[in-house]
Protein backbone atom coordinates (compact mmCIF):
# COMPACT_ATOMS: atom_id res chain seq x y z
CA MET A 1 2.79 9.59 -3.14
CA GLU A 2 4.63 13.04 -1.39
CA THR A 3 6.30 10.60 0.63
CA SER A 4 7.33 8.35 -1.85
CA HIS A 5 8.73 11.25 -4.15
CA ARG A 6 10.84 12.70 -1.42
CA LEU A 7 12.12 9.03 -0.42
CA LEU A 8 13.25 9.28 -4.07
CA GLY A 9 14.75 12.71 -4.19
CA SER A 10 16.82 11.73 -0.72
CA LEU A 11 18.27 9.06 -2.40
CA ILE A 12 19.11 11.02 -5.64
CA ALA A 13 20.39 14.06 -3.32
CA PHE A 14 22.44 11.40 -1.30
CA LEU A 15 24.00 10.32 -4.16
CA ALA A 16 25.64 13.78 -5.44
CA PHE A 17 26.62 14.29 -1.60
CA LEU A 18 28.45 10.92 -1.37
CA THR A 19 30.45 11.67 -4.51
CA LEU A 20 32.06 14.35 -2.58
CA SER A 21 32.50 12.93 0.67
CA GLY A 22 35.25 11.16 2.54
CA HIS A 23 35.57 7.46 2.41
CA ALA A 24 34.65 5.00 5.14
CA PHE A 25 31.46 2.71 5.16
CA ASP A 26 29.75 1.01 2.26
CA SER A 27 26.97 3.58 1.16
CA GLY A 28 24.71 0.63 0.02
CA PHE A 29 24.23 2.20 -3.20
CA TYR A 30 24.70 1.63 -6.63
CA ALA A 31 24.22 3.67 -9.57
CA ASP A 32 25.09 3.93 -13.40
CA ASN A 33 29.05 5.02 -14.02
CA GLY A 34 27.44 6.88 -17.53
CA VAL A 35 28.53 3.86 -20.05
CA TYR A 36 25.92 1.56 -19.37
CA GLN A 37 27.84 -0.17 -16.35
CA THR A 38 27.03 -0.37 -12.43
CA ILE A 39 29.67 0.51 -9.55
CA ALA A 40 29.20 1.28 -6.43
CA VAL A 41 28.46 4.95 -4.66
CA ASP A 42 31.19 6.00 -2.84
CA ARG A 43 31.80 4.90 0.48
CA MET A 44 30.81 7.49 3.69
CA ARG A 45 31.74 8.48 7.17
CA ARG A 46 29.84 6.75 10.34
CA LYS A 47 27.80 9.60 11.22
CA GLU A 48 26.83 10.42 7.40
CA GLN A 49 25.78 6.65 6.90
CA ARG A 50 23.61 7.13 10.12
CA GLU A 51 21.91 10.25 9.05
CA MET A 52 21.15 8.33 5.81
CA GLN A 53 19.79 5.42 7.58
CA GLN A 54 17.84 7.44 9.69
CA GLU A 55 16.10 9.45 6.44
CA ILE A 56 15.24 6.51 4.68
CA LEU A 57 13.39 4.94 8.07
CA THR A 58 11.73 8.37 8.48
CA LEU A 59 10.37 7.99 4.79
CA LEU A 60 9.53 4.25 5.11
CA GLY A 61 7.39 5.54 7.62
CA LEU A 62 9.42 3.89 10.78
CA HIS A 63 10.31 6.11 14.20
CA HIS A 64 13.75 3.73 14.58
CA ARG A 65 15.47 0.76 13.27
CA PRO A 66 13.41 -2.28 14.34
CA LYS A 67 15.61 -4.42 17.07
CA PRO A 68 13.49 -7.76 17.07
CA LEU A 69 14.40 -10.39 19.75
CA THR A 70 14.66 -13.09 17.33
CA HIS A 71 16.12 -13.42 13.85
CA GLY A 72 17.14 -16.25 11.62
CA SER A 73 15.90 -19.55 12.51
CA ALA A 74 12.80 -17.66 13.66
CA GLU A 75 12.17 -17.42 9.82
CA SER A 76 11.00 -21.06 9.79
CA ALA A 77 8.15 -20.34 12.37
CA SER A 78 4.74 -20.47 11.30
CA ALA A 79 3.82 -16.45 10.85
CA PRO A 80 7.37 -15.67 9.21
CA LYS A 81 7.10 -18.36 6.89
CA PHE A 82 3.49 -17.85 5.95
CA MET A 83 4.19 -14.08 5.57
CA LEU A 84 7.60 -14.89 3.39
CA ASP A 85 5.40 -17.38 1.24
CA LEU A 86 2.94 -14.40 0.46
CA TYR A 87 5.75 -11.85 -0.21
CA ASN A 88 6.94 -14.38 -2.80
CA THR A 89 3.19 -14.84 -4.23
CA LEU A 90 2.67 -11.03 -4.50
CA LYS A 91 5.77 -10.50 -6.02
CA GLU A 92 5.80 -12.95 -8.61
CA GLU A 93 2.13 -11.67 -9.69
CA ASP A 94 3.84 -8.12 -10.09
CA GLY A 95 0.85 -5.82 -9.65
CA SER A 96 -2.35 -6.26 -11.55
CA ILE A 97 -4.01 -9.71 -11.14
CA ASP A 98 -6.13 -12.02 -12.35
CA GLU A 99 -8.41 -13.08 -9.60
CA LYS A 100 -8.79 -17.11 -10.43
CA LEU A 101 -5.00 -16.92 -11.14
CA PHE A 102 -4.17 -15.39 -8.16
CA THR A 103 -6.56 -17.57 -5.92
CA ASP A 104 -4.90 -20.88 -7.46
CA ALA A 105 -1.46 -19.40 -6.41
CA LEU A 106 -2.63 -18.39 -2.65
CA LYS A 107 -4.07 -22.28 -2.49
CA GLU A 108 -1.25 -23.85 -3.95
CA ARG A 109 1.18 -22.31 -1.32
CA HIS A 110 -1.89 -22.63 1.66
CA LEU A 111 -2.11 -19.23 1.81
CA ASN A 112 -6.19 -18.95 1.19
CA SER A 113 -7.94 -16.61 3.26
CA SER A 114 -11.21 -16.80 5.58
CA LEU A 115 -11.70 -13.25 4.17
CA GLY A 116 -13.84 -14.35 1.28
CA ASN A 117 -12.17 -12.16 -1.55
CA VAL A 118 -8.33 -12.14 -2.67
CA LYS A 119 -8.40 -8.54 -3.25
CA THR A 120 -8.43 -7.86 0.66
CA ILE A 121 -4.99 -9.31 0.42
CA ASP A 122 -3.81 -7.99 -2.88
CA ASP A 123 -5.27 -4.30 -2.24
CA ALA A 124 -3.66 -4.19 1.15
CA ASP A 125 -1.10 -1.44 1.69
CA MET A 126 0.30 -3.48 4.67
CA ILE A 127 0.07 -6.73 5.80
CA MET A 128 1.05 -7.70 9.52
CA SER A 129 1.52 -10.73 11.37
CA PHE A 130 1.31 -11.22 15.08
CA VAL A 131 2.69 -14.22 17.46
CA ASN A 132 0.68 -15.50 20.42
CA HIS A 133 2.04 -13.63 23.65
CA ALA A 134 -0.33 -15.20 26.12
CA GLU A 135 2.33 -17.21 27.80
CA THR A 136 4.39 -14.03 28.47
CA GLN A 137 1.55 -11.33 29.44
CA ARG A 138 -0.46 -13.07 32.00
CA PRO A 139 -0.50 -16.18 34.16
CA ILE A 140 -2.33 -19.33 32.27
CA ILE A 141 -4.04 -22.00 34.33
CA ARG A 142 -3.13 -25.22 33.30
CA HIS A 143 -6.53 -25.94 32.06
CA GLU A 144 -6.81 -22.91 29.82
CA ARG A 145 -3.28 -23.46 27.77
CA ASP A 146 -3.65 -23.74 24.27
CA ARG A 147 -7.01 -22.17 24.53
CA ARG A 148 -5.65 -18.42 25.22
CA PHE A 149 -4.23 -15.93 22.86
CA TYR A 150 -2.56 -12.64 23.07
CA PHE A 151 -1.57 -10.59 20.12
CA ASP A 152 -0.32 -7.14 20.68
CA PHE A 153 -1.44 -4.45 18.82
CA SER A 154 0.12 -1.58 20.85
CA GLU A 155 2.53 -0.46 18.24
CA VAL A 156 -0.27 -0.76 15.14
CA PRO A 157 -0.46 3.30 13.85
CA LEU A 158 -4.08 4.42 13.90
CA GLU A 159 -3.56 5.96 10.36
CA GLU A 160 -4.07 2.00 9.22
CA THR A 161 -7.29 0.90 8.55
CA ILE A 162 -7.89 -2.84 9.17
CA THR A 163 -9.73 -4.42 6.48
CA GLY A 164 -9.55 -8.00 7.61
CA ALA A 165 -8.04 -9.95 10.07
CA GLU A 166 -7.95 -13.88 10.94
CA LEU A 167 -6.82 -15.96 13.63
CA ARG A 168 -4.79 -19.36 11.98
CA LEU A 169 -4.86 -22.49 13.96
CA TYR A 170 -3.23 -25.71 12.33
CA LYS A 171 -5.39 -29.18 12.72
CA THR A 172 -3.68 -32.73 12.25
CA PRO A 173 -6.33 -35.45 11.52
CA VAL A 174 -7.63 -37.34 14.93
CA GLU A 175 -6.27 -40.86 15.02
CA GLY A 176 -9.24 -43.38 15.10
CA ALA A 177 -11.99 -41.10 14.52
CA LEU A 178 -15.31 -42.18 12.80
CA PRO A 179 -15.86 -40.98 9.07
CA ASN A 180 -17.37 -37.86 9.12
CA THR A 181 -17.08 -36.91 12.74
CA SER A 182 -16.90 -33.26 13.42
CA PHE A 183 -16.28 -30.74 15.89
CA THR A 184 -17.28 -27.07 16.19
CA ILE A 185 -14.52 -24.76 16.58
CA GLN A 186 -15.49 -21.18 18.44
CA VAL A 187 -13.25 -17.93 19.20
CA TYR A 188 -14.28 -15.75 21.79
CA ARG A 189 -13.34 -12.13 22.76
CA VAL A 190 -12.48 -11.78 25.98
CA GLU A 191 -13.85 -8.80 28.07
CA GLN A 192 -13.37 -6.69 31.29
CA GLY A 193 -16.30 -7.11 33.57
CA GLN A 194 -17.65 -4.69 35.95
CA ASP A 195 -15.26 -6.49 38.68
CA PRO A 196 -11.57 -6.27 38.25
CA GLU A 197 -11.51 -10.17 38.65
CA ASP A 198 -14.78 -10.46 36.21
CA LYS A 199 -14.04 -11.42 32.45
CA PHE A 200 -16.80 -12.48 29.94
CA LEU A 201 -16.68 -13.89 26.87
CA ARG A 202 -18.20 -12.60 23.50
CA ILE A 203 -18.22 -14.76 20.45
CA GLU A 204 -16.33 -13.80 17.50
CA SER A 205 -16.38 -16.40 15.01
CA ASN A 206 -17.08 -20.34 14.88
CA GLN A 207 -16.53 -22.88 12.49
CA THR A 208 -17.35 -26.84 11.83
CA VAL A 209 -14.47 -29.10 10.87
CA LEU A 210 -14.32 -32.63 10.08
CA ALA A 211 -12.01 -34.87 12.41
CA SER A 212 -9.87 -35.73 9.21
CA MET A 213 -9.21 -32.53 8.40
CA ASP A 214 -5.12 -31.84 7.74
CA GLY A 215 -4.53 -28.09 7.35
CA TRP A 216 -4.66 -24.38 8.31
CA ILE A 217 -8.15 -23.27 9.99
CA LEU A 218 -8.95 -19.56 9.25
CA MET A 219 -11.05 -17.97 11.79
CA ASN A 220 -12.41 -14.57 11.13
CA VAL A 221 -11.42 -12.23 13.86
CA THR A 222 -11.79 -8.46 12.29
CA HIS A 223 -13.96 -7.07 15.06
CA ALA A 224 -11.91 -7.64 17.55
CA ALA A 225 -8.62 -6.19 15.62
CA THR A 226 -10.36 -3.23 14.84
CA LEU A 227 -11.50 -2.94 18.20
CA TRP A 228 -7.81 -3.50 20.10
CA GLN A 229 -6.27 -0.96 17.35
CA ALA A 230 -8.62 1.69 18.32
CA PHE A 231 -8.73 0.99 22.12
CA PRO A 232 -5.41 -1.12 22.91
CA ALA A 233 -6.62 -1.29 26.69
CA TYR A 234 -9.67 -3.31 25.83
CA ASN A 235 -7.19 -6.13 24.44
CA LEU A 236 -7.63 -9.06 26.77
CA GLY A 237 -6.84 -11.37 24.24
CA LEU A 238 -9.00 -14.36 22.57
CA PHE A 239 -10.39 -17.76 24.14
CA LEU A 240 -10.77 -20.90 21.97
CA SER A 241 -13.63 -23.45 22.79
CA VAL A 242 -13.67 -26.91 21.01
CA HIS A 243 -17.13 -29.17 21.29
CA ASN A 244 -17.41 -32.49 19.51
CA GLU A 245 -20.50 -33.53 18.19
CA LYS A 246 -22.18 -34.33 21.71
CA GLY A 247 -21.80 -30.51 22.58
CA GLU A 248 -19.08 -31.50 24.99
CA ASP A 249 -16.36 -29.13 25.37
CA VAL A 250 -12.85 -31.04 24.68
CA HIS A 251 -9.24 -29.78 24.87
CA PRO A 252 -8.20 -28.39 21.32
CA TRP A 253 -5.87 -31.29 20.93
CA GLU A 254 -8.39 -33.90 20.87
CA ALA A 255 -9.29 -32.03 17.70
CA GLY A 256 -6.27 -32.29 16.28
CA ILE A 257 -5.42 -28.37 16.77
CA VAL A 258 -1.65 -28.09 17.29
CA GLY A 259 -0.55 -26.25 20.69
CA ARG A 260 2.05 -24.60 21.87
CA LYS A 261 4.53 -27.40 22.22
CA GLY A 262 3.62 -28.42 18.58
CA ALA A 263 6.11 -27.76 15.78
CA ASP A 264 7.17 -24.33 15.23
CA ASP A 265 5.88 -23.88 11.37
CA LYS A 266 1.98 -24.90 12.79
CA GLN A 267 1.95 -22.65 15.75
CA ALA A 268 -0.96 -20.23 15.82
CA PHE A 269 -0.55 -16.74 14.71
CA LEU A 270 -3.01 -13.98 13.33
CA VAL A 271 -2.79 -12.18 10.37
CA SER A 272 -3.91 -8.40 10.00
CA PHE A 273 -4.36 -6.39 6.64
CA PHE A 274 -4.29 -2.97 6.53
CA LYS A 275 -5.40 0.14 4.19
CA THR A 276 -3.08 3.36 4.35
CA ALA A 277 -5.15 6.49 4.24
CA GLN A 278 -4.65 8.55 1.87
CA GLU A 279 -5.56 10.75 -1.12
CA LEU A 280 -6.89 9.08 -4.36
CA HIS A 281 -4.82 9.91 -7.20
CA VAL A 282 -6.09 9.59 -10.67
CA ARG A 283 -3.99 8.68 -13.27
CA ARG A 284 -5.06 10.64 -16.34
CA THR A 285 -5.08 8.68 -19.79
CA ARG A 286 -3.63 9.74 -22.74
CA ALA A 287 -7.04 10.29 -24.29
CA ALA A 288 -8.22 11.99 -21.06
CA ARG A 289 -5.13 14.38 -21.33
CA ALA A 290 -5.88 15.16 -25.05
CA ALA A 291 -9.52 15.86 -23.92
CA LYS A 292 -8.42 18.40 -21.66
CA ARG A 293 -6.19 20.01 -24.03
CA LYS A 294 -9.12 20.95 -26.12
CA ASN A 295 -10.40 23.37 -23.71
CA LEU A 296 -7.10 25.38 -23.94
CA GLU A 297 -6.67 28.17 -25.72
CA ILE A 298 -3.81 27.05 -27.45
CA SER A 299 -3.78 23.37 -27.81
CA TYR A 300 -1.22 21.07 -29.33
CA PRO A 301 -2.33 17.38 -30.89
CA ASP A 302 -0.19 14.35 -30.04
CA GLU A 303 1.59 14.23 -33.04
CA PRO A 304 3.91 17.11 -32.57
CA LEU A 305 6.28 15.54 -30.71
CA GLN A 306 7.85 14.17 -34.53
CA MET A 307 7.98 17.63 -35.33
CA PHE A 308 11.27 17.98 -33.05
CA ALA A 309 12.61 14.16 -33.19
CA PRO A 310 16.06 14.09 -34.59
CA PRO A 311 17.13 10.56 -36.25
CA SER A 312 19.69 9.70 -33.72
CA TYR A 313 19.34 9.79 -29.54
CA ASN A 314 22.19 11.76 -27.82
CA ILE A 315 23.65 9.78 -24.69
CA LYS A 316 23.03 12.87 -22.40
CA SER A 317 19.31 13.33 -23.28
CA CYS A 318 16.57 12.70 -20.27
CA LYS A 319 16.59 8.72 -19.86
CA ARG A 320 16.33 6.26 -16.81
CA LYS A 321 19.34 5.56 -15.49
CA THR A 322 20.48 2.49 -12.77
CA LEU A 323 20.29 3.30 -9.12
CA TYR A 324 20.46 0.20 -6.30
CA VAL A 325 19.55 0.21 -3.05
CA SER A 326 21.05 -2.45 -1.00
CA PHE A 327 19.30 -3.36 2.64
CA LYS A 328 22.36 -5.30 3.14
CA ALA A 329 24.99 -3.12 2.44
CA LEU A 330 23.08 -0.55 4.92
CA GLY A 331 23.51 -2.96 7.65
CA TRP A 332 20.02 -3.61 7.88
CA GLN A 333 19.77 -7.63 7.50
CA ASP A 334 19.08 -8.34 11.06
CA TRP A 335 15.25 -6.99 10.71
CA ILE A 336 14.78 -6.90 6.67
CA ILE A 337 13.73 -10.39 5.65
CA ALA A 338 13.05 -9.68 2.10
CA PRO A 339 14.51 -8.34 -0.43
CA ASP A 340 18.27 -7.58 0.09
CA GLY A 341 17.72 -4.75 -1.90
CA TYR A 342 15.95 -3.42 -4.94
CA SER A 343 16.43 -1.41 -8.31
CA ALA A 344 14.74 2.35 -7.31
CA PHE A 345 16.56 3.73 -10.99
CA TYR A 346 16.30 7.49 -11.26
CA CYS A 347 16.23 10.14 -14.16
CA ASP A 348 19.09 12.00 -15.68
CA GLY A 349 19.82 14.11 -18.56
CA GLU A 350 18.91 17.14 -20.79
CA CYS A 351 15.52 18.17 -22.03
CA ALA A 352 17.11 20.43 -24.65
CA PHE A 353 15.93 21.16 -28.39
CA PRO A 354 14.93 19.22 -30.14
CA LEU A 355 12.75 17.29 -28.18
CA ASN A 356 12.55 13.36 -29.44
CA ALA A 357 9.55 11.36 -28.96
CA GLN A 358 11.90 8.59 -26.73
CA MET A 359 11.98 11.77 -24.41
CA ASN A 360 8.11 11.62 -23.31
CA ALA A 361 7.54 15.15 -23.24
CA THR A 362 4.61 16.57 -22.10
CA ASN A 363 3.10 19.41 -24.55
CA HIS A 364 3.89 21.92 -21.76
CA ALA A 365 7.73 20.92 -22.06
CA ILE A 366 7.63 21.22 -25.86
CA VAL A 367 6.02 24.80 -25.52
CA GLN A 368 9.02 25.71 -22.37
CA THR A 369 11.27 24.46 -24.74
CA LEU A 370 10.54 27.05 -27.53
CA VAL A 371 10.30 29.86 -25.20
CA HIS A 372 13.75 29.12 -23.79
CA LEU A 373 15.22 29.34 -26.80
CA MET A 374 13.74 32.89 -27.31
CA GLU A 375 14.33 33.73 -23.73
CA PRO A 376 17.39 31.63 -22.02
CA GLU A 377 17.87 34.02 -19.12
CA LYS A 378 14.09 34.04 -17.83
CA ILE A 379 12.97 30.51 -18.68
CA PRO A 380 14.93 27.29 -17.96
CA LYS A 381 14.89 24.11 -19.56
CA PRO A 382 12.42 21.14 -18.79
CA CYS A 383 13.63 18.98 -16.11
CA CYS A 384 14.02 15.35 -16.31
CA ALA A 385 11.69 13.50 -13.79
CA PRO A 386 9.58 10.40 -13.61
CA THR A 387 6.90 9.41 -15.91
CA LYS A 388 5.98 6.33 -14.29
CA LEU A 389 6.62 4.89 -10.87
CA THR A 390 5.44 1.51 -9.65
CA ALA A 391 5.78 -0.06 -5.99
CA ILE A 392 8.09 -2.34 -3.95
CA SER A 393 6.87 -4.64 -1.07
CA VAL A 394 9.12 -4.68 2.04
CA LEU A 395 9.36 -7.63 4.15
CA TYR A 396 10.55 -7.18 8.23
CA PHE A 397 10.59 -7.80 11.60
CA ASP A 398 9.19 -5.34 14.22
CA ASP A 399 10.37 -5.10 17.91
CA ASN A 400 8.01 -7.74 19.08
CA SER A 401 9.14 -10.22 16.25
CA ASN A 402 5.86 -9.64 14.28
CA VAL A 403 6.66 -9.85 10.35
CA ILE A 404 5.12 -7.05 8.26
CA LEU A 405 4.86 -7.09 4.55
CA LYS A 406 4.29 -3.42 3.54
CA LYS A 407 3.52 -2.10 0.26
CA TYR A 408 5.59 1.31 -0.44
CA ARG A 409 4.16 3.06 -3.65
CA ASN A 410 5.74 5.07 -6.35
CA MET A 411 9.55 3.55 -5.56
CA VAL A 412 10.70 2.45 -8.45
CA VAL A 413 11.19 4.74 -11.52
CA LYS A 414 9.70 2.68 -14.58
CA SER A 415 9.94 5.69 -17.11
CA CYS A 416 11.54 9.07 -17.64
CA GLY A 417 10.19 12.14 -19.86
CA CYS A 418 10.56 15.90 -19.94
CA HIS A 419 8.21 18.07 -17.79
């Protein structure tokens, strides 16, 4: 929460700075001009633009601007397409969800999860897809192609806790297969033996599927992903094994599993869900605040605001104003997939006597206002600040062309008040 507040503060501070700076490059910010119109903030010099971009990247938890190997057409590949569909589903639900409706929305877009609980998806602070680098990581002998998978976890930050991970394999119907014919799909974690050349397999997950199945097979690999995050050197990848009803080992394509030569939007990939370690911030309800006030030496009921409320609403009073941040104007369209930008808003205006109900003033602000009237040199006016903030989600490529969907809390001002 502190990081998000710093970000909003930085954006507003830069707004004030930009209005005094020279002209050169689009700032990427669009603000309220005071007469209910949104205009572009003054442009800035290249150096100032770079400094601002670096500041925002840092606050977004990024050490540098990502430079993905691929973009554009890569968005039609399986992992980016899945992540974009997931982003759109979460955006449509917009916060608190009805679990059944959310489950139906996921299934409609073929985004159902093997992890059993849609809350794993909705509660995740970050969702990351990993492309298969088995072909480039180490030489693969011919009969192991489409059986070996390698997903690079070396850049996953340790402060992110994995809550679930799944390998997604696309399967097409097997032509000519008898009704109810099935295959057993097994995914193993490759581990190092005592000898450098010695490798052994440890079962990670298994599933039985019908030959007639057409769609994504979801294999739970949470244990492997957790191990790789903590110990990247232990990551030797995954191995896929497929057996028919007789127990005979068959090549994945014989079961209809799409291999590396298949369509881009049906290539195997891994998805991992993360929760960011953070302090628990309890939102106190109005009733809870009232209960606490009863223990104060001087208490004020919820109604006294009306005592100070005039009939008119001063245009200079504390209120929410427009602030739009354009990622595209910042030159980040090469790595940010969605959104093009977002409405951050900001709080501005006076918290002067008399405070009216529209100012959402706290009881403390009311008292401070009264004391300010008596001792204006010693006690300042209350400040206009956010009373409610909500999150945004950003979908972007990292340096390895993995796609990350990250939720940034407290990024959008929903309401303002005097504090």
